[in-house]
């Protein structure tokens, strides 16, 4: 019975023989994506930010005070 295909250990061996290559391919794909992202150029997040959003972040961090924030915001929002 151990050499039959009716759910004995041969069934498990066939499943392992099928899953191991699939897992290896998935691992290679994940490693490839990781390497491409790690070695690619860093996104330039600062270039596309609106000046008002930058000012709001600086104010939230405490880099600028309330008066300076209001003055700079008024300058940026002036039409």
PDB file of N, CA and C in Angstrom:
ATOM      1  N   UNK A   1       0.793  -1.207   0.000  1.00  0.00           N
ATOM      2  CA  UNK A   1       0.000   0.000   0.000  1.00  0.00           C
ATOM      3  C   UNK A   1       0.836   1.272   0.000  1.00  0.00           C
ATOM      4  N   UNK A   2       2.022   1.315   0.533  1.00  0.00           N
ATOM      5  CA  UNK A   2       2.763   2.573   0.527  1.00  0.00           C
ATOM      6  C   UNK A   2       3.154   3.032  -0.869  1.00  0.00           C
ATOM      7  N   UNK A   3       3.089   2.177  -1.881  1.00  0.00           N
ATOM      8  CA  UNK A   3       3.494   2.568  -3.219  1.00  0.00           C
ATOM      9  C   UNK A   3       2.304   2.916  -4.108  1.00  0.00           C
ATOM     10  N   UNK A   4       1.144   3.030  -3.552  1.00  0.00           N
ATOM     11  CA  UNK A   4      -0.031   3.332  -4.350  1.00  0.00           C
ATOM     12  C   UNK A   4      -0.295   4.831  -4.344  1.00  0.00           C
ATOM     13  N   UNK A   5      -1.162   5.267  -5.245  1.00  0.00           N
ATOM     14  CA  UNK A   5      -1.485   6.686  -5.366  1.00  0.00           C
ATOM     15  C   UNK A   5      -2.804   7.005  -4.666  1.00  0.00           C
ATOM     16  N   UNK A   6      -3.199   6.228  -3.694  1.00  0.00           N
ATOM     17  CA  UNK A   6      -4.498   6.417  -3.059  1.00  0.00           C
ATOM     18  C   UNK A   6      -4.408   7.248  -1.780  1.00  0.00           C
ATOM     19  N   UNK A   7      -3.496   8.152  -1.679  1.00  0.00           N
ATOM     20  CA  UNK A   7      -3.418   9.001  -0.497  1.00  0.00           C
ATOM     21  C   UNK A   7      -2.345   8.599   0.475  1.00  0.00           C
ATOM     22  N   UNK A   8      -1.529   7.637   0.143  1.00  0.00           N
ATOM     23  CA  UNK A   8      -0.434   7.236   1.019  1.00  0.00           C
ATOM     24  C   UNK A   8       0.702   8.250   0.939  1.00  0.00           C
ATOM     25  N   UNK A   9       1.893   7.825   1.277  1.00  0.00           N
ATOM     26  CA  UNK A   9       3.017   8.753   1.287  1.00  0.00           C
ATOM     27  C   UNK A   9       3.399   9.213  -0.105  1.00  0.00           C
ATOM     28  N   UNK A  10       3.027   8.476  -1.138  1.00  0.00           N
ATOM     29  CA  UNK A  10       3.321   8.911  -2.509  1.00  0.00           C
ATOM     30  C   UNK A  10       2.518  10.160  -2.866  1.00  0.00           C
ATOM     31  N   UNK A  11       1.313  10.249  -2.340  1.00  0.00           N
ATOM     32  CA  UNK A  11       0.509  11.450  -2.576  1.00  0.00           C
ATOM     33  C   UNK A  11       1.169  12.681  -1.976  1.00  0.00           C
ATOM     34  N   UNK A  12       1.706  12.516  -0.772  1.00  0.00           N
ATOM     35  CA  UNK A  12       2.414  13.627  -0.128  1.00  0.00           C
ATOM     36  C   UNK A  12       3.674  13.986  -0.905  1.00  0.00           C
ATOM     37  N   UNK A  13       4.387  12.973  -1.377  1.00  0.00           N
ATOM     38  CA  UNK A  13       5.607  13.231  -2.145  1.00  0.00           C
ATOM     39  C   UNK A  13       5.300  13.988  -3.438  1.00  0.00           C
ATOM     40  N   UNK A  14       4.219  13.621  -4.088  1.00  0.00           N
ATOM     41  CA  UNK A  14       3.850  14.317  -5.320  1.00  0.00           C
ATOM     42  C   UNK A  14       3.477  15.765  -5.020  1.00  0.00           C
ATOM     43  N   UNK A  15       2.779  15.989  -3.908  1.00  0.00           N
ATOM     44  CA  UNK A  15       2.404  17.348  -3.551  1.00  0.00           C
ATOM     45  C   UNK A  15       3.651  18.185  -3.239  1.00  0.00           C
ATOM     46  N   UNK A  16       4.596  17.598  -2.523  1.00  0.00           N
ATOM     47  CA  UNK A  16       5.834  18.305  -2.205  1.00  0.00           C
ATOM     48  C   UNK A  16       6.612  18.589  -3.491  1.00  0.00           C
ATOM     49  N   UNK A  17       6.676  17.624  -4.385  1.00  0.00           N
ATOM     50  CA  UNK A  17       7.395  17.820  -5.641  1.00  0.00           C
ATOM     51  C   UNK A  17       6.747  18.903  -6.492  1.00  0.00           C
ATOM     52  N   UNK A  18       5.467  19.151  -6.312  1.00  0.00           N
ATOM     53  CA  UNK A  18       4.772  20.197  -7.043  1.00  0.00           C
ATOM     54  C   UNK A  18       4.942  21.550  -6.355  1.00  0.00           C
ATOM     55  N   UNK A  19       4.890  21.571  -5.022  1.00  0.00           N
ATOM     56  CA  UNK A  19       4.929  22.835  -4.286  1.00  0.00           C
ATOM     57  C   UNK A  19       6.325  23.440  -4.167  1.00  0.00           C
ATOM     58  N   UNK A  20       7.344  22.626  -4.055  1.00  0.00           N
ATOM     59  CA  UNK A  20       8.706  23.148  -3.881  1.00  0.00           C
ATOM     60  C   UNK A  20       9.125  24.035  -5.053  1.00  0.00           C
ATOM     61  N   UNK A  21       8.946  23.615  -6.292  1.00  0.00           N
ATOM     62  CA  UNK A  21       9.310  24.532  -7.386  1.00  0.00           C
ATOM     63  C   UNK A  21       8.465  25.810  -7.393  1.00  0.00           C
ATOM     64  N   UNK A  22       7.185  25.712  -7.048  1.00  0.00           N
ATOM     65  CA  UNK A  22       6.353  26.913  -6.996  1.00  0.00           C
ATOM     66  C   UNK A  22       6.840  27.875  -5.914  1.00  0.00           C
ATOM     67  N   UNK A  23       7.183  27.335  -4.762  1.00  0.00           N
ATOM     68  CA  UNK A  23       7.709  28.186  -3.689  1.00  0.00           C
ATOM     69  C   UNK A  23       9.048  28.799  -4.084  1.00  0.00           C
ATOM     70  N   UNK A  24       9.877  28.050  -4.779  1.00  0.00           N
ATOM     71  CA  UNK A  24      11.160  28.584  -5.232  1.00  0.00           C
ATOM     72  C   UNK A  24      10.960  29.717  -6.225  1.00  0.00           C
ATOM     73  N   UNK A  25      10.034  29.559  -7.142  1.00  0.00           N
ATOM     74  CA  UNK A  25       9.745  30.620  -8.115  1.00  0.00           C
ATOM     75  C   UNK A  25       9.197  31.852  -7.403  1.00  0.00           C
ATOM     76  N   UNK A  26       8.310  31.661  -6.436  1.00  0.00           N
ATOM     77  CA  UNK A  26       7.759  32.789  -5.685  1.00  0.00           C
ATOM     78  C   UNK A  26       8.856  33.503  -4.903  1.00  0.00           C
ATOM     79  N   UNK A  27       9.763  32.756  -4.307  1.00  0.00           N
ATOM     80  CA  UNK A  27      10.869  33.359  -3.562  1.00  0.00           C
ATOM     81  C   UNK A  27      11.778  34.163  -4.484  1.00  0.00           C
ATOM     82  N   UNK A  28      12.074  33.629  -5.647  1.00  0.00           N
ATOM     83  CA  UNK A  28      12.906  34.352  -6.608  1.00  0.00           C
ATOM     84  C   UNK A  28      12.214  35.637  -7.049  1.00  0.00           C
ATOM     85  N   UNK A  29      10.907  35.587  -7.281  1.00  0.00           N
ATOM     86  CA  UNK A  29      10.164  36.781  -7.689  1.00  0.00           C
ATOM     87  C   UNK A  29      10.182  37.835  -6.593  1.00  0.00           C
ATOM     88  N   UNK A  30       9.980  37.424  -5.345  1.00  0.00           N
ATOM     89  CA  UNK A  30       9.989  38.371  -4.226  1.00  0.00           C
ATOM     90  C   UNK A  30      11.373  38.992  -4.066  1.00  0.00           C
ATOM     91  N   UNK A  31      12.416  38.191  -4.168  1.00  0.00           N
ATOM     92  CA  UNK A  31      13.776  38.713  -4.073  1.00  0.00           C
ATOM     93  C   UNK A  31      14.083  39.685  -5.211  1.00  0.00           C
ATOM     94  N   UNK A  32      13.616  39.378  -6.409  1.00  0.00           N
ATOM     95  CA  UNK A  32      13.831  40.256  -7.546  1.00  0.00           C
ATOM     96  C   UNK A  32      13.173  41.612  -7.323  1.00  0.00           C
ATOM     97  N   UNK A  33      11.918  41.606  -6.874  1.00  0.00           N
ATOM     98  CA  UNK A  33      11.215  42.858  -6.613  1.00  0.00           C
ATOM     99  C   UNK A  33      11.911  43.642  -5.509  1.00  0.00           C
ATOM    100  N   UNK A  34      12.341  42.954  -4.474  1.00  0.00           N
ATOM    101  CA  UNK A  34      13.028  43.630  -3.365  1.00  0.00           C
ATOM    102  C   UNK A  34      14.323  44.277  -3.831  1.00  0.00           C
ATOM    103  N   UNK A  35      15.103  43.562  -4.633  1.00  0.00           N
ATOM    104  CA  UNK A  35      16.373  44.111  -5.126  1.00  0.00           C
ATOM    105  C   UNK A  35      16.127  45.304  -6.040  1.00  0.00           C
ATOM    106  N   UNK A  36      15.142  45.211  -6.913  1.00  0.00           N
ATOM    107  CA  UNK A  36      14.855  46.319  -7.825  1.00  0.00           C
ATOM    108  C   UNK A  36      14.437  47.555  -7.041  1.00  0.00           C
ATOM    109  N   UNK A  37      13.595  47.387  -6.040  1.00  0.00           N
ATOM    110  CA  UNK A  37      13.165  48.535  -5.231  1.00  0.00           C
ATOM    111  C   UNK A  37      14.296  49.085  -4.379  1.00  0.00           C
ATOM    112  N   UNK A  38      15.153  48.214  -3.879  1.00  0.00           N
ATOM    113  CA  UNK A  38      16.235  48.663  -3.003  1.00  0.00           C
ATOM    114  C   UNK A  38      17.328  49.386  -3.773  1.00  0.00           C
ATOM    115  N   UNK A  39      17.562  49.004  -5.010  1.00  0.00           N
ATOM    116  CA  UNK A  39      18.651  49.602  -5.775  1.00  0.00           C
ATOM    117  C   UNK A  39      18.190  50.693  -6.721  1.00  0.00           C
ATOM    118  N   UNK A  40      16.900  50.849  -6.893  1.00  0.00           N
ATOM    119  CA  UNK A  40      16.389  51.874  -7.791  1.00  0.00           C
ATOM    120  C   UNK A  40      16.525  53.251  -7.179  1.00  0.00           C
ATOM    121  N   UNK A  41      16.302  54.280  -7.981  1.00  0.00           N
ATOM    122  CA  UNK A  41      16.403  55.637  -7.458  1.00  0.00           C
ATOM    123  C   UNK A  41      15.301  55.915  -6.446  1.00  0.00           C
ATOM    124  N   UNK A  42      15.657  56.670  -5.427  1.00  0.00           N
ATOM    125  CA  UNK A  42      14.672  57.024  -4.409  1.00  0.00           C
ATOM    126  C   UNK A  42      13.674  58.015  -5.002  1.00  0.00           C
ATOM    127  N   UNK A  43      12.416  57.864  -4.676  1.00  0.00           N
ATOM    128  CA  UNK A  43      11.431  58.811  -5.203  1.00  0.00           C
ATOM    129  C   UNK A  43      11.686  60.200  -4.645  1.00  0.00           C
ATOM    130  N   UNK A  44      11.545  61.194  -5.501  1.00  0.00           N
ATOM    131  CA  UNK A  44      11.770  62.576  -5.099  1.00  0.00           C
ATOM    132  C   UNK A  44      10.468  63.153  -4.572  1.00  0.00           C
ATOM    133  N   UNK A  45      10.221  62.934  -3.310  1.00  0.00           N
ATOM    134  CA  UNK A  45       8.949  63.361  -2.721  1.00  0.00           C
ATOM    135  C   UNK A  45       8.880  64.871  -2.546  1.00  0.00           C
ATOM    136  N   UNK A  46      10.001  65.518  -2.362  1.00  0.00           N
ATOM    137  CA  UNK A  46       9.995  66.957  -2.089  1.00  0.00           C
ATOM    138  C   UNK A  46       9.689  67.812  -3.302  1.00  0.00           C
ATOM    139  N   UNK A  47       9.976  67.323  -4.486  1.00  0.00           N
ATOM    140  CA  UNK A  47       9.809  68.143  -5.679  1.00  0.00           C
ATOM    141  C   UNK A  47       8.347  68.383  -6.021  1.00  0.00           C
ATOM    142  N   UNK A  48       7.477  67.449  -5.712  1.00  0.00           N
ATOM    143  CA  UNK A  48       6.088  67.591  -6.121  1.00  0.00           C
ATOM    144  C   UNK A  48       5.176  68.122  -5.007  1.00  0.00           C
ATOM    145  N   UNK A  49       5.708  68.307  -3.803  1.00  0.00           N
ATOM    146  CA  UNK A  49       4.883  68.793  -2.705  1.00  0.00           C
ATOM    147  C   UNK A  49       4.525  70.264  -2.905  1.00  0.00           C
ATOM    148  N   UNK A  50       3.309  70.570  -2.570  1.00  0.00           N
ATOM    149  CA  UNK A  50       2.867  71.954  -2.627  1.00  0.00           C
ATOM    150  C   UNK A  50       3.531  72.729  -1.495  1.00  0.00           C
ATOM    151  N   UNK A  51       3.903  73.973  -1.737  1.00  0.00           N
ATOM    152  CA  UNK A  51       4.560  74.768  -0.690  1.00  0.00           C
ATOM    153  C   UNK A  51       3.730  74.891   0.582  1.00  0.00           C
ATOM    154  N   UNK A  52       2.420  74.980   0.448  1.00  0.00           N
ATOM    155  CA  UNK A  52       1.569  75.098   1.630  1.00  0.00           C
ATOM    156  C   UNK A  52       1.609  73.816   2.466  1.00  0.00           C
ATOM    157  N   UNK A  53       1.674  72.661   1.816  1.00  0.00           N
ATOM    158  CA  UNK A  53       1.771  71.389   2.542  1.00  0.00           C
ATOM    159  C   UNK A  53       3.092  71.299   3.291  1.00  0.00           C
ATOM    160  N   UNK A  54       4.156  71.779   2.676  1.00  0.00           N
ATOM    161  CA  UNK A  54       5.463  71.788   3.346  1.00  0.00           C
ATOM    162  C   UNK A  54       5.409  72.697   4.565  1.00  0.00           C
ATOM    163  N   UNK A  55       4.808  73.864   4.405  1.00  0.00           N
ATOM    164  CA  UNK A  55       4.686  74.799   5.522  1.00  0.00           C
ATOM    165  C   UNK A  55       3.857  74.195   6.650  1.00  0.00           C
ATOM    166  N   UNK A  56       2.778  73.513   6.317  1.00  0.00           N
ATOM    167  CA  UNK A  56       1.956  72.888   7.351  1.00  0.00           C
ATOM    168  C   UNK A  56       2.725  71.820   8.110  1.00  0.00           C
ATOM    169  N   UNK A  57       3.523  71.031   7.402  1.00  0.00           N
ATOM    170  CA  UNK A  57       4.345  70.027   8.088  1.00  0.00           C
ATOM    171  C   UNK A  57       5.382  70.678   8.996  1.00  0.00           C
ATOM    172  N   UNK A  58       5.995  71.760   8.524  1.00  0.00           N
ATOM    173  CA  UNK A  58       6.994  72.459   9.347  1.00  0.00           C
ATOM    174  C   UNK A  58       6.347  73.026  10.607  1.00  0.00           C
ATOM    175  N   UNK A  59       5.134  73.543  10.457  1.00  0.00           N
ATOM    176  CA  UNK A  59       4.412  74.090  11.618  1.00  0.00           C
ATOM    177  C   UNK A  59       4.036  72.964  12.588  1.00  0.00           C
ATOM    178  N   UNK A  60       3.612  71.835  12.051  1.00  0.00           N
ATOM    179  CA  UNK A  60       3.236  70.699  12.897  1.00  0.00           C
ATOM    180  C   UNK A  60       4.440  70.151  13.657  1.00  0.00           C
ATOM    181  N   UNK A  61       5.612  70.174  13.034  1.00  0.00           N
ATOM    182  CA  UNK A  61       6.826  69.721  13.713  1.00  0.00           C
ATOM    183  C   UNK A  61       7.355  70.731  14.709  1.00  0.00           C
ATOM    184  N   UNK A  62       6.890  71.978  14.614  1.00  0.00           N
ATOM    185  CA  UNK A  62       7.374  73.019  15.514  1.00  0.00           C
ATOM    186  C   UNK A  62       8.561  73.778  14.957  1.00  0.00           C
ATOM    187  N   UNK A  63       8.849  73.620  13.678  1.00  0.00           N
ATOM    188  CA  UNK A  63       9.962  74.340  13.062  1.00  0.00           C
ATOM    189  C   UNK A  63       9.675  75.828  12.930  1.00  0.00           C
ATOM    190  N   UNK A  64       8.403  76.184  12.760  1.00  0.00           N
ATOM    191  CA  UNK A  64       8.012  77.591  12.674  1.00  0.00           C
ATOM    192  C   UNK A  64       6.955  77.869  13.723  1.00  0.00           C
ATOM    193  N   UNK A  65       6.933  79.083  14.221  1.00  0.00           N
ATOM    194  CA  UNK A  65       5.937  79.482  15.214  1.00  0.00           C
ATOM    195  C   UNK A  65       4.629  79.876  14.552  1.00  0.00           C
ATOM    196  N   UNK A  66       3.640  80.201  15.375  1.00  0.00           N
ATOM    197  CA  UNK A  66       2.306  80.522  14.872  1.00  0.00           C
ATOM    198  C   UNK A  66       2.316  81.804  14.044  1.00  0.00           C
ATOM    199  N   UNK A  67       3.018  82.831  14.531  1.00  0.00           N
ATOM    200  CA  UNK A  67       3.049  84.099  13.790  1.00  0.00           C
ATOM    201  C   UNK A  67       3.757  83.929  12.451  1.00  0.00           C
ATOM    202  N   UNK A  68       4.883  83.251  12.471  1.00  0.00           N
ATOM    203  CA  UNK A  68       5.616  83.033  11.227  1.00  0.00           C
ATOM    204  C   UNK A  68       4.817  82.173  10.265  1.00  0.00           C
ATOM    205  N   UNK A  69       4.102  81.175  10.805  1.00  0.00           N
ATOM    206  CA  UNK A  69       3.263  80.324   9.968  1.00  0.00           C
ATOM    207  C   UNK A  69       2.177  81.152   9.281  1.00  0.00           C
ATOM    208  N   UNK A  70       1.487  81.990  10.053  1.00  0.00           N
ATOM    209  CA  UNK A  70       0.408  82.807   9.483  1.00  0.00           C
ATOM    210  C   UNK A  70       0.950  83.761   8.425  1.00  0.00           C
ATOM    211  N   UNK A  71       2.103  84.365   8.687  1.00  0.00           N
ATOM    212  CA  UNK A  71       2.711  85.293   7.728  1.00  0.00           C
ATOM    213  C   UNK A  71       3.080  84.563   6.437  1.00  0.00           C
ATOM    214  N   UNK A  72       3.702  83.404   6.560  1.00  0.00           N
ATOM    215  CA  UNK A  72       4.104  82.645   5.371  1.00  0.00           C
ATOM    216  C   UNK A  72       2.893  82.086   4.629  1.00  0.00           C
ATOM    217  N   UNK A  73       1.869  81.653   5.375  1.00  0.00           N
ATOM    218  CA  UNK A  73       0.662  81.139   4.739  1.00  0.00           C
ATOM    219  C   UNK A  73      -0.032  82.232   3.949  1.00  0.00           C
ATOM    220  N   UNK A  74      -0.086  83.448   4.533  1.00  0.00           N
ATOM    221  CA  UNK A  74      -0.705  84.572   3.838  1.00  0.00           C
ATOM    222  C   UNK A  74       0.063  84.890   2.550  1.00  0.00           C
ATOM    223  N   UNK A  75       1.370  84.810   2.618  1.00  0.00           N
ATOM    224  CA  UNK A  75       2.196  85.073   1.427  1.00  0.00           C
ATOM    225  C   UNK A  75       1.928  84.010   0.361  1.00  0.00           C
ATOM    226  N   UNK A  76       1.833  82.748   0.773  1.00  0.00           N
ATOM    227  CA  UNK A  76       1.635  81.661  -0.191  1.00  0.00           C
ATOM    228  C   UNK A  76       0.233  81.663  -0.805  1.00  0.00           C
ATOM    229  N   UNK A  77      -0.764  82.083  -0.052  1.00  0.00           N
ATOM    230  CA  UNK A  77      -2.145  82.010  -0.545  1.00  0.00           C
ATOM    231  C   UNK A  77      -2.594  83.301  -1.209  1.00  0.00           C
ATOM    232  N   UNK A  78      -1.731  84.301  -1.243  1.00  0.00           N
ATOM    233  CA  UNK A  78      -2.073  85.567  -1.895  1.00  0.00           C
ATOM    234  C   UNK A  78      -2.279  85.324  -3.393  1.00  0.00           C
ATOM    235  N   UNK A  79      -3.341  85.890  -3.928  1.00  0.00           N
ATOM    236  CA  UNK A  79      -3.645  85.706  -5.367  1.00  0.00           C
ATOM    237  C   UNK A  79      -2.872  86.690  -6.220  1.00  0.00           C
TER     238      UNK A  79
END
